[in-house]
N, C-alpha and C. Protein backbone atom coordinates (compact mmCIF):
# COMPACT_ATOMS: atom_id res chain seq x y z
N MET A 1 -6.26 0.12 -18.56
CA MET A 1 -6.64 -0.11 -17.70
C MET A 1 -7.37 1.80 -17.39
N ASN A 2 -8.33 1.10 -16.78
CA ASN A 2 -9.52 2.38 -16.71
C ASN A 2 -9.26 3.61 -15.85
N ALA A 3 -9.67 4.65 -15.85
CA ALA A 3 -9.40 5.63 -15.10
C ALA A 3 -9.65 5.56 -14.12
N GLY A 4 -9.42 5.75 -12.59
CA GLY A 4 -9.98 5.32 -11.19
C GLY A 4 -9.02 6.27 -10.10
N LYS A 5 -9.75 5.84 -9.03
CA LYS A 5 -8.87 6.67 -8.29
C LYS A 5 -7.55 5.83 -7.57
N LEU A 6 -6.87 6.63 -7.24
CA LEU A 6 -5.74 5.84 -6.78
C LEU A 6 -5.60 5.82 -5.32
N LEU A 7 -5.67 4.76 -4.71
CA LEU A 7 -5.39 4.41 -3.20
C LEU A 7 -4.26 3.65 -2.73
N GLY A 8 -3.06 4.18 -2.67
CA GLY A 8 -2.14 3.76 -1.78
C GLY A 8 -2.76 2.74 -0.72
N VAL A 9 -1.78 1.33 -0.45
CA VAL A 9 -1.97 1.28 0.63
C VAL A 9 -0.79 0.02 0.96
N VAL A 10 -0.41 0.48 2.35
CA VAL A 10 0.71 -0.18 2.43
C VAL A 10 0.75 -0.64 4.39
N GLY A 11 1.83 -1.25 4.48
CA GLY A 11 1.65 -1.92 6.09
C GLY A 11 3.20 -2.60 6.40
N ALA A 12 2.65 -3.39 7.32
CA ALA A 12 3.90 -4.49 8.17
C ALA A 12 4.17 -5.67 6.89
N ARG A 13 5.61 -5.94 6.56
CA ARG A 13 6.01 -6.60 6.12
C ARG A 13 5.50 -8.37 6.39
N GLU A 14 5.28 -8.61 7.59
CA GLU A 14 4.92 -9.72 8.16
C GLU A 14 3.10 -9.26 9.11
N PRO A 15 2.26 -9.34 7.96
CA PRO A 15 0.89 -8.48 9.01
C PRO A 15 0.42 -9.98 9.36
N THR A 16 0.25 -9.44 10.67
CA THR A 16 -0.85 -10.60 11.69
C THR A 16 -2.34 -10.97 10.88
N LYS A 17 -2.72 -11.89 11.40
CA LYS A 17 -4.26 -12.33 10.75
C LYS A 17 -4.94 -11.14 10.70
N TYR A 18 -4.90 -10.42 11.75
CA TYR A 18 -5.67 -9.16 11.98
C TYR A 18 -5.66 -8.64 10.66
N ALA A 19 -4.60 -8.60 10.50
CA ALA A 19 -4.42 -7.20 9.02
C ALA A 19 -4.99 -7.77 7.82
N GLN A 20 -4.60 -9.26 7.56
CA GLN A 20 -5.43 -9.65 6.92
C GLN A 20 -6.63 -10.03 6.91
N ILE A 21 -7.34 -10.39 7.56
CA ILE A 21 -8.66 -10.43 7.56
C ILE A 21 -9.13 -9.04 7.45
N ALA A 22 -8.46 -7.96 8.49
CA ALA A 22 -9.24 -6.16 8.03
C ALA A 22 -9.21 -5.99 6.48
N MET A 23 -8.09 -6.27 5.79
CA MET A 23 -7.78 -6.06 4.42
C MET A 23 -8.75 -6.91 3.56
N GLN A 24 -9.27 -7.94 3.97
CA GLN A 24 -10.43 -8.81 2.66
C GLN A 24 -11.40 -8.05 3.23
N ARG A 25 -11.77 -7.40 4.76
CA ARG A 25 -13.31 -6.77 4.32
C ARG A 25 -13.17 -5.53 3.63
N LEU A 26 -12.17 -4.68 3.98
CA LEU A 26 -11.65 -2.76 4.07
C LEU A 26 -11.68 -3.13 2.34
N LEU A 27 -11.18 -3.62 1.32
CA LEU A 27 -10.61 -3.22 0.29
C LEU A 27 -11.51 -3.75 -0.83
N PRO A 28 -12.07 -5.09 -0.93
CA PRO A 28 -12.99 -5.49 -2.10
C PRO A 28 -13.89 -4.34 -2.61
N GLY A 29 -14.91 -3.56 -1.77
CA GLY A 29 -15.90 -2.59 -1.87
C GLY A 29 -15.22 -1.47 -2.45
N PRO A 30 -14.20 -0.92 -2.21
CA PRO A 30 -13.38 0.37 -2.87
C PRO A 30 -12.67 -0.65 -4.25
N ILE A 31 -12.05 -1.58 -4.14
CA ILE A 31 -11.80 -1.71 -5.45
C ILE A 31 -12.91 -2.36 -6.37
N GLN A 32 -13.94 -2.67 -5.87
CA GLN A 32 -15.19 -2.62 -7.15
C GLN A 32 -16.04 -1.59 -7.68
N GLN A 33 -15.36 -0.39 -6.65
CA GLN A 33 -16.10 0.83 -6.86
C GLN A 33 -14.72 1.79 -8.01
N ASN A 34 -13.82 0.88 -8.57
CA ASN A 34 -12.91 1.27 -9.28
C ASN A 34 -12.07 2.27 -8.55
N HIS A 35 -11.55 1.92 -7.36
CA HIS A 35 -10.15 2.42 -6.70
C HIS A 35 -9.13 2.00 -7.26
N ILE A 36 -8.12 2.28 -7.83
CA ILE A 36 -7.06 1.44 -8.15
C ILE A 36 -6.09 1.39 -7.02
N ILE A 37 -5.18 -0.11 -6.36
CA ILE A 37 -4.66 -0.13 -5.49
C ILE A 37 -3.09 0.17 -5.76
N VAL A 38 -2.47 1.11 -5.35
CA VAL A 38 -0.90 1.22 -5.36
C VAL A 38 -0.13 1.09 -4.06
N SER A 39 0.94 0.24 -4.69
CA SER A 39 1.67 -0.31 -3.16
C SER A 39 3.47 -0.93 -4.07
N GLY A 40 4.03 -1.55 -2.99
CA GLY A 40 5.48 -1.39 -3.15
C GLY A 40 5.54 -2.67 -3.68
N LEU A 41 4.80 -3.76 -3.99
CA LEU A 41 5.31 -5.36 -4.33
C LEU A 41 6.07 -5.89 -3.44
N ALA A 42 6.04 -5.21 -2.39
CA ALA A 42 6.69 -5.97 -1.18
C ALA A 42 6.57 -6.92 -0.57
N MET A 43 6.73 -7.86 0.41
CA MET A 43 6.02 -8.88 1.38
C MET A 43 5.14 -8.46 1.72
N GLY A 44 4.39 -9.25 2.78
CA GLY A 44 3.03 -8.95 3.77
C GLY A 44 1.63 -8.10 2.85
N VAL A 45 1.58 -6.86 3.19
CA VAL A 45 0.38 -5.81 3.56
C VAL A 45 0.48 -5.81 1.65
N ASP A 46 1.77 -4.85 0.89
CA ASP A 46 1.72 -4.80 -0.12
C ASP A 46 1.35 -6.20 -0.79
N ALA A 47 2.07 -6.75 -1.31
CA ALA A 47 1.36 -7.79 -1.82
C ALA A 47 -0.05 -8.38 -1.47
N LEU A 48 -0.38 -8.54 -0.75
CA LEU A 48 -1.35 -8.79 -0.31
C LEU A 48 -2.75 -8.51 -0.91
N SER A 49 -2.55 -6.24 -0.87
CA SER A 49 -3.02 -5.64 -1.30
C SER A 49 -3.41 -5.59 -2.69
N HIS A 50 -1.87 -5.80 -3.28
CA HIS A 50 -2.33 -5.91 -5.24
C HIS A 50 -3.07 -7.94 -5.38
N ARG A 51 -3.03 -8.37 -4.87
CA ARG A 51 -3.64 -9.91 -4.81
C ARG A 51 -5.16 -9.11 -4.60
N LEU A 52 -5.34 -8.66 -3.62
CA LEU A 52 -6.95 -8.24 -3.39
C LEU A 52 -7.64 -7.76 -5.18
N ALA A 53 -6.65 -7.00 -5.00
CA ALA A 53 -7.23 -5.90 -6.61
C ALA A 53 -7.60 -7.00 -7.66
N ILE A 54 -6.50 -7.80 -7.67
CA ILE A 54 -6.53 -8.69 -9.33
C ILE A 54 -7.78 -9.34 -8.68
N HIS A 55 -7.58 -10.65 -7.43
CA HIS A 55 -9.01 -11.42 -7.49
C HIS A 55 -10.56 -10.64 -7.09
N ALA A 56 -10.31 -9.02 -6.69
CA ALA A 56 -12.17 -8.62 -6.76
C ALA A 56 -12.28 -8.05 -8.31
N GLY A 57 -11.16 -8.36 -8.81
CA GLY A 57 -11.41 -7.99 -10.54
C GLY A 57 -11.18 -6.30 -11.25
N GLY A 58 -10.40 -5.83 -9.85
CA GLY A 58 -9.83 -4.27 -9.81
C GLY A 58 -8.45 -4.29 -10.54
N HIS A 59 -8.09 -3.13 -10.37
CA HIS A 59 -6.70 -2.86 -10.95
C HIS A 59 -5.62 -2.51 -10.11
N THR A 60 -4.33 -2.50 -10.27
CA THR A 60 -3.18 -2.15 -9.47
C THR A 60 -2.04 -1.92 -9.71
N ILE A 61 -0.92 -1.28 -9.30
CA ILE A 61 -0.10 -0.45 -9.63
C ILE A 61 1.22 -0.89 -8.60
N GLY A 62 1.98 -1.71 -9.35
CA GLY A 62 3.42 -1.68 -8.10
C GLY A 62 4.55 -0.65 -8.39
N ILE A 63 4.65 -0.43 -7.43
CA ILE A 63 5.54 0.51 -7.30
C ILE A 63 7.24 0.02 -6.65
N ILE A 64 8.42 -0.58 -7.12
CA ILE A 64 9.23 -1.39 -7.32
C ILE A 64 10.68 -0.68 -7.07
N GLY A 65 11.43 -1.17 -5.98
CA GLY A 65 12.54 -0.40 -5.61
C GLY A 65 14.08 -1.14 -6.30
N THR A 66 13.60 -1.80 -7.52
CA THR A 66 15.01 -2.25 -8.34
C THR A 66 14.58 -2.19 -9.49
N GLY A 67 14.99 -2.35 -10.91
CA GLY A 67 15.20 -2.44 -11.65
C GLY A 67 13.90 -3.29 -12.79
N LEU A 68 13.13 -2.47 -13.59
CA LEU A 68 12.20 -3.69 -14.04
C LEU A 68 12.04 -4.76 -14.12
N ASN A 69 13.88 -5.41 -14.58
CA ASN A 69 13.77 -6.84 -14.91
C ASN A 69 14.04 -7.62 -14.01
N LEU A 70 14.17 -6.83 -12.67
CA LEU A 70 14.28 -7.69 -11.49
C LEU A 70 13.63 -7.78 -10.20
N THR A 71 13.32 -8.73 -9.63
CA THR A 71 12.26 -9.06 -8.64
C THR A 71 12.54 -9.12 -6.74
N TYR A 72 11.86 -8.21 -6.40
CA TYR A 72 12.66 -8.17 -4.60
C TYR A 72 11.51 -7.51 -4.00
N PRO A 73 10.84 -8.52 -3.00
CA PRO A 73 11.57 -9.89 -3.00
C PRO A 73 11.19 -10.94 -3.51
N ALA A 74 12.36 -12.25 -3.62
CA ALA A 74 12.21 -13.54 -4.86
C ALA A 74 10.71 -13.56 -5.09
N GLN A 75 10.13 -14.04 -3.87
CA GLN A 75 8.54 -14.55 -3.49
C GLN A 75 7.55 -14.05 -4.42
N ASN A 76 7.67 -12.89 -4.99
CA ASN A 76 6.59 -11.69 -5.25
C ASN A 76 7.28 -11.75 -7.04
N ARG A 77 8.27 -12.90 -7.47
CA ARG A 77 8.06 -12.96 -8.83
C ARG A 77 6.74 -13.21 -9.81
N LYS A 78 6.39 -14.19 -9.44
CA LYS A 78 4.97 -14.24 -10.50
C LYS A 78 4.00 -13.31 -10.12
N LEU A 79 3.84 -12.74 -8.96
CA LEU A 79 2.67 -11.93 -8.77
C LEU A 79 3.30 -10.76 -9.82
N GLN A 80 4.89 -10.19 -9.50
CA GLN A 80 4.90 -9.32 -10.49
C GLN A 80 5.23 -9.17 -12.13
N MET A 81 5.45 -10.19 -12.14
CA MET A 81 5.09 -10.63 -13.62
C MET A 81 3.68 -10.60 -14.02
N TYR A 82 2.57 -11.25 -13.22
CA TYR A 82 1.66 -11.42 -13.42
C TYR A 82 1.38 -9.34 -13.77
N MET A 83 1.64 -8.79 -13.32
CA MET A 83 0.98 -7.23 -13.25
C MET A 83 2.17 -6.74 -13.65
N SER A 84 3.32 -7.10 -14.44
CA SER A 84 4.06 -6.74 -15.52
C SER A 84 3.32 -6.45 -16.98
N ALA A 85 2.47 -7.55 -16.99
CA ALA A 85 1.81 -8.39 -18.23
C ALA A 85 0.46 -7.86 -18.38
N HIS A 86 -0.25 -7.27 -17.13
CA HIS A 86 -1.97 -7.07 -16.87
C HIS A 86 -2.45 -5.78 -16.37
N GLU A 87 -1.23 -5.27 -15.69
CA GLU A 87 -1.44 -4.28 -14.80
C GLU A 87 -0.70 -3.11 -15.18
N LEU A 88 0.20 -2.73 -13.92
CA LEU A 88 0.88 -1.64 -13.93
C LEU A 88 2.33 -1.61 -12.86
N VAL A 89 3.45 -2.01 -13.50
CA VAL A 89 4.66 -2.21 -12.42
C VAL A 89 5.73 -0.67 -12.73
N LEU A 90 6.03 0.08 -12.00
CA LEU A 90 6.53 1.59 -11.86
C LEU A 90 7.81 1.32 -11.54
N SER A 91 9.00 1.70 -12.15
CA SER A 91 10.38 1.98 -11.41
C SER A 91 11.17 2.97 -11.96
N GLU A 92 11.33 3.84 -11.07
CA GLU A 92 12.70 4.88 -11.23
C GLU A 92 14.00 4.22 -11.89
N TYR A 93 14.59 3.33 -11.61
CA TYR A 93 15.45 2.36 -12.04
C TYR A 93 16.04 1.58 -12.72
N PRO A 94 16.92 1.89 -13.77
CA PRO A 94 17.23 1.30 -14.61
C PRO A 94 17.60 -0.81 -14.91
N PHE A 95 17.23 -1.01 -15.73
CA PHE A 95 17.23 -2.06 -16.13
C PHE A 95 18.89 -3.16 -14.98
N GLY A 96 18.36 -3.74 -14.30
CA GLY A 96 19.28 -4.15 -13.81
C GLY A 96 20.01 -3.82 -11.92
N ASP A 97 19.63 -2.97 -12.01
CA ASP A 97 19.72 -2.39 -10.77
C ASP A 97 18.53 -2.79 -9.61
N VAL A 98 20.18 -3.35 -8.69
CA VAL A 98 19.11 -3.83 -7.34
C VAL A 98 18.93 -2.76 -6.59
N GLY A 99 18.34 -3.62 -5.92
CA GLY A 99 17.48 -3.06 -4.10
C GLY A 99 18.05 -2.63 -3.25
N LYS A 100 18.75 -1.44 -3.74
CA LYS A 100 19.65 -0.31 -2.55
C LYS A 100 18.50 -0.50 -1.05
N PRO A 101 18.80 -0.03 0.27
CA PRO A 101 18.20 0.34 1.31
C PRO A 101 17.53 1.81 0.71
N HIS A 102 18.00 3.03 0.11
CA HIS A 102 17.81 4.16 0.06
C HIS A 102 16.21 3.80 -1.05
N HIS A 103 16.38 3.09 -1.90
CA HIS A 103 15.30 2.81 -3.16
C HIS A 103 13.64 2.49 -2.29
N PHE A 104 13.83 1.77 -1.89
CA PHE A 104 12.80 1.61 -1.12
C PHE A 104 12.08 2.58 -0.25
N VAL A 105 12.84 3.82 0.58
CA VAL A 105 12.35 5.22 0.48
C VAL A 105 11.91 5.84 -0.37
N GLU A 106 12.47 5.77 -1.69
CA GLU A 106 12.35 6.79 -2.24
C GLU A 106 11.03 6.18 -3.07
N ARG A 107 11.16 4.60 -3.67
CA ARG A 107 10.12 4.42 -3.89
C ARG A 107 8.28 4.46 -2.81
N ASN A 108 8.67 4.81 -1.80
CA ASN A 108 7.62 5.43 -1.15
C ASN A 108 6.78 6.67 -1.26
N ARG A 109 7.51 7.14 -1.62
CA ARG A 109 7.69 8.82 -2.56
C ARG A 109 6.78 8.94 -3.22
N ILE A 110 7.25 7.72 -4.30
CA ILE A 110 6.17 7.92 -5.42
C ILE A 110 5.15 7.00 -4.83
N ILE A 111 4.74 5.85 -3.97
CA ILE A 111 3.27 5.80 -3.82
C ILE A 111 2.32 6.75 -3.26
N ALA A 112 3.17 7.63 -2.31
CA ALA A 112 2.21 8.62 -1.19
C ALA A 112 2.19 10.29 -2.67
N GLY A 113 2.93 9.97 -4.01
CA GLY A 113 2.74 11.14 -4.56
C GLY A 113 1.56 10.98 -5.72
N LEU A 114 1.94 9.41 -6.15
CA LEU A 114 0.55 8.66 -6.62
C LEU A 114 -0.63 8.88 -6.46
N SER A 115 -0.69 8.71 -5.06
CA SER A 115 -1.85 8.18 -4.16
C SER A 115 -2.99 9.46 -4.23
N GLU A 116 -3.95 9.08 -4.03
CA GLU A 116 -4.94 10.28 -3.67
C GLU A 116 -4.71 10.16 -2.21
N THR A 117 -4.90 9.02 -1.58
CA THR A 117 -5.13 8.82 0.14
C THR A 117 -4.43 7.24 0.21
N VAL A 118 -3.65 7.51 1.02
CA VAL A 118 -2.95 6.19 1.67
C VAL A 118 -3.38 5.57 2.92
N LEU A 119 -3.55 3.89 2.57
CA LEU A 119 -4.28 3.25 4.09
C LEU A 119 -3.11 3.04 4.33
N VAL A 120 -2.38 3.17 5.69
CA VAL A 120 -1.57 2.15 6.22
C VAL A 120 -2.21 1.06 7.29
N VAL A 121 -2.48 -0.02 7.14
CA VAL A 121 -2.72 -1.30 7.77
C VAL A 121 -2.30 -1.58 8.49
N GLN A 122 -0.98 -2.26 9.02
CA GLN A 122 -0.60 -2.27 10.27
C GLN A 122 1.22 -1.30 10.12
N ALA A 123 1.68 -1.25 11.44
CA ALA A 123 3.21 -0.57 11.15
C ALA A 123 3.76 -0.17 12.62
N LYS A 124 4.68 -0.78 12.84
CA LYS A 124 5.56 -0.27 13.73
C LYS A 124 5.80 1.19 13.88
N GLN A 125 6.30 1.24 15.32
CA GLN A 125 6.32 2.85 15.55
C GLN A 125 7.55 3.42 14.65
N HIS A 126 8.12 3.09 14.36
CA HIS A 126 9.46 3.35 13.13
C HIS A 126 9.55 2.38 11.97
N SER A 127 8.84 2.49 10.96
CA SER A 127 8.55 2.06 9.53
C SER A 127 8.13 2.48 9.19
N GLY A 128 8.94 1.67 7.37
CA GLY A 128 8.75 2.07 5.82
C GLY A 128 7.41 2.94 5.63
N SER A 129 6.16 1.97 6.43
CA SER A 129 4.36 2.49 5.85
C SER A 129 4.70 3.88 7.01
N LEU A 130 4.86 4.12 7.54
CA LEU A 130 4.93 5.57 8.53
C LEU A 130 5.64 6.82 7.83
N ILE A 131 6.93 6.28 6.36
CA ILE A 131 7.56 7.24 5.95
C ILE A 131 6.68 7.73 4.74
N THR A 132 5.95 6.71 4.74
CA THR A 132 5.20 7.20 3.16
C THR A 132 3.93 7.95 3.89
N ALA A 133 3.36 7.35 4.94
CA ALA A 133 2.22 8.54 5.99
C ALA A 133 2.18 9.55 6.02
N ASN A 134 3.33 9.96 6.51
CA ASN A 134 4.04 11.18 6.57
C ASN A 134 4.86 11.78 5.00
N LEU A 135 5.15 11.44 4.06
CA LEU A 135 5.25 11.86 2.43
C LEU A 135 3.83 12.66 2.10
N ALA A 136 2.97 11.12 2.49
CA ALA A 136 1.39 11.80 1.69
C ALA A 136 0.85 13.12 2.59
N ILE A 137 1.21 12.92 3.77
CA ILE A 137 0.78 14.33 4.20
C ILE A 137 1.80 15.63 4.16
N GLN A 138 2.87 15.75 4.28
CA GLN A 138 3.66 16.59 3.53
C GLN A 138 2.76 16.85 1.77
N ASN A 139 2.30 15.85 0.92
CA ASN A 139 1.89 15.77 -0.46
C ASN A 139 0.54 16.55 -0.43
N ASN A 140 -0.49 16.91 0.55
CA ASN A 140 -1.40 17.17 1.28
C ASN A 140 -2.30 16.25 0.69
N ARG A 141 -1.95 15.08 0.77
CA ARG A 141 -3.12 13.52 0.77
C ARG A 141 -3.70 13.57 1.73
N ASN A 142 -4.78 12.40 1.54
CA ASN A 142 -5.36 12.13 2.82
C ASN A 142 -4.82 10.78 3.30
N VAL A 143 -4.61 10.56 4.31
CA VAL A 143 -4.49 9.35 5.29
C VAL A 143 -5.18 8.32 6.22
N LEU A 144 -4.82 7.54 5.90
CA LEU A 144 -5.89 6.64 6.56
C LEU A 144 -5.24 5.63 7.32
N ALA A 145 -5.83 5.04 8.39
CA ALA A 145 -5.30 3.87 9.39
C ALA A 145 -6.14 2.98 9.89
N VAL A 146 -5.86 1.79 10.01
CA VAL A 146 -6.09 0.82 10.52
C VAL A 146 -5.73 0.49 11.73
N PRO A 147 -6.98 0.95 13.34
CA PRO A 147 -6.22 0.81 14.34
C PRO A 147 -6.30 -0.46 14.89
N GLY A 148 -5.69 -0.42 16.05
CA GLY A 148 -5.41 -1.84 16.45
C GLY A 148 -5.02 -1.96 17.81
N ARG A 149 -4.94 -2.95 18.60
CA ARG A 149 -4.74 -3.50 20.21
C ARG A 149 -3.19 -2.28 20.54
N ILE A 150 -3.67 -1.98 21.32
CA ILE A 150 -2.99 -0.99 22.01
C ILE A 150 -1.75 -1.90 22.57
N ASP A 151 -1.59 -2.85 23.23
CA ASP A 151 -0.33 -3.68 23.30
C ASP A 151 -0.13 -4.35 22.35
N ASP A 152 -0.31 -4.28 20.80
CA ASP A 152 0.82 -4.69 19.59
C ASP A 152 1.27 -4.06 19.52
N PRO A 153 3.04 -4.40 19.31
CA PRO A 153 3.47 -3.41 18.52
C PRO A 153 3.50 -3.15 16.68
N LEU A 154 2.78 -4.18 16.43
CA LEU A 154 2.81 -3.69 14.75
C LEU A 154 1.45 -2.96 14.72
N SER A 155 0.69 -2.58 15.75
CA SER A 155 -0.21 -1.19 16.02
C SER A 155 0.03 0.01 15.75
N ALA A 156 0.78 0.05 16.58
CA ALA A 156 1.64 1.14 17.31
C ALA A 156 1.84 2.60 16.56
N GLY A 157 1.82 2.18 15.05
CA GLY A 157 1.81 3.30 14.10
C GLY A 157 1.23 4.32 14.16
N CYS A 158 0.02 2.67 13.73
CA CYS A 158 -1.55 3.35 12.62
C CYS A 158 -2.34 3.75 14.30
N ASN A 159 -1.91 3.59 15.26
CA ASN A 159 -2.40 4.50 16.58
C ASN A 159 -1.82 5.56 16.62
N GLU A 160 -1.04 5.96 16.30
CA GLU A 160 -0.19 6.82 16.73
C GLU A 160 -0.74 7.81 15.62
N LEU A 161 -0.59 7.46 14.17
CA LEU A 161 -1.63 8.03 13.32
C LEU A 161 -2.75 8.63 13.62
N ILE A 162 -3.44 7.68 14.20
CA ILE A 162 -5.20 7.85 14.34
C ILE A 162 -4.98 9.18 15.39
N LEU A 163 -3.71 9.31 16.29
CA LEU A 163 -4.06 10.39 17.66
C LEU A 163 -3.49 11.73 17.01
N ALA A 164 -2.36 11.32 15.87
CA ALA A 164 -1.98 12.48 15.25
C ALA A 164 -2.79 13.24 13.88
N GLY A 165 -3.95 12.92 13.65
CA GLY A 165 -5.32 13.28 12.54
C GLY A 165 -5.31 12.21 12.12
N ALA A 166 -4.80 10.99 11.52
CA ALA A 166 -5.32 10.11 10.24
C ALA A 166 -6.54 9.15 10.88
N LYS A 167 -7.85 9.40 9.68
CA LYS A 167 -8.79 8.89 10.06
C LYS A 167 -8.91 7.50 9.94
N PRO A 168 -9.66 7.14 11.26
CA PRO A 168 -9.64 5.81 11.39
C PRO A 168 -10.45 4.74 10.49
N VAL A 169 -10.37 3.70 9.68
CA VAL A 169 -11.05 2.81 9.18
C VAL A 169 -11.22 1.79 9.80
N LEU A 170 -13.03 1.62 10.05
CA LEU A 170 -13.65 0.56 10.41
C LEU A 170 -14.19 -0.18 9.36
N ALA A 171 -14.51 0.35 7.88
CA ALA A 171 -15.56 0.06 6.90
C ALA A 171 -15.46 0.51 5.85
N PRO A 172 -15.54 -0.41 4.78
CA PRO A 172 -14.77 -0.33 3.21
C PRO A 172 -15.70 1.30 3.09
N GLN A 173 -16.99 1.98 3.16
CA GLN A 173 -17.16 3.38 2.99
C GLN A 173 -16.12 4.16 3.74
N HIS A 174 -15.38 4.26 4.63
CA HIS A 174 -14.60 4.99 4.88
C HIS A 174 -13.52 5.47 4.01
N ILE A 175 -13.06 4.65 3.59
CA ILE A 175 -12.41 4.63 2.65
C ILE A 175 -13.14 5.46 1.35
N VAL A 176 -13.96 4.85 0.84
CA VAL A 176 -14.60 5.35 -0.40
C VAL A 176 -15.01 6.99 0.18
N GLU A 177 -15.08 7.56 1.26
CA GLU A 177 -15.40 8.77 0.89
C GLU A 177 -14.77 9.64 1.42
N GLU A 178 -13.64 9.23 0.87
CA GLU A 178 -12.31 10.20 1.22
C GLU A 178 -12.25 10.45 0.11
N PHE A 179 -13.03 9.62 -1.41
CA PHE A 179 -12.62 10.15 -2.37
C PHE A 179 -13.76 11.14 -2.86
N LEU A 180 -15.01 11.37 -1.91
CA LEU A 180 -16.45 12.03 -2.81
C LEU A 180 -15.74 13.63 -2.74
């Protein structure tokens, strides 16, 4: 894997079409400029960010909350197997260790710690994605958020991050300029 700039991407487990379109517009540019996607290999935004990195010819790192020989969620088994062979999958848990709720919060700490910048795509008001964003802030990382509709519960977390000082992302260059 080439040395690149690490971009954490987190968000909703059940993203809307809006989030999918936003990611398809925002991520390929930075990926093609050697930004490596770091995410949690979970459903939704995580899996989509890994797939976009692979599809764009870039690289990606998956941080999982189980032992390396297990996959959670099971629907990402093929993706995790591909990433284990061709990209990078990391875990701090021993083989056979099943995912426990606190493992996923601990995994978020690794995503925030590895990433220079964390992008939150969609997040409810109280979500794991906001935990990752707060951990990133505590570790002096840049935090970016995709703004959303004010009446959309899946945008409440991102909109509040922006109110608190996170940079709103409207175009790929808004991500790239965080690394300059």
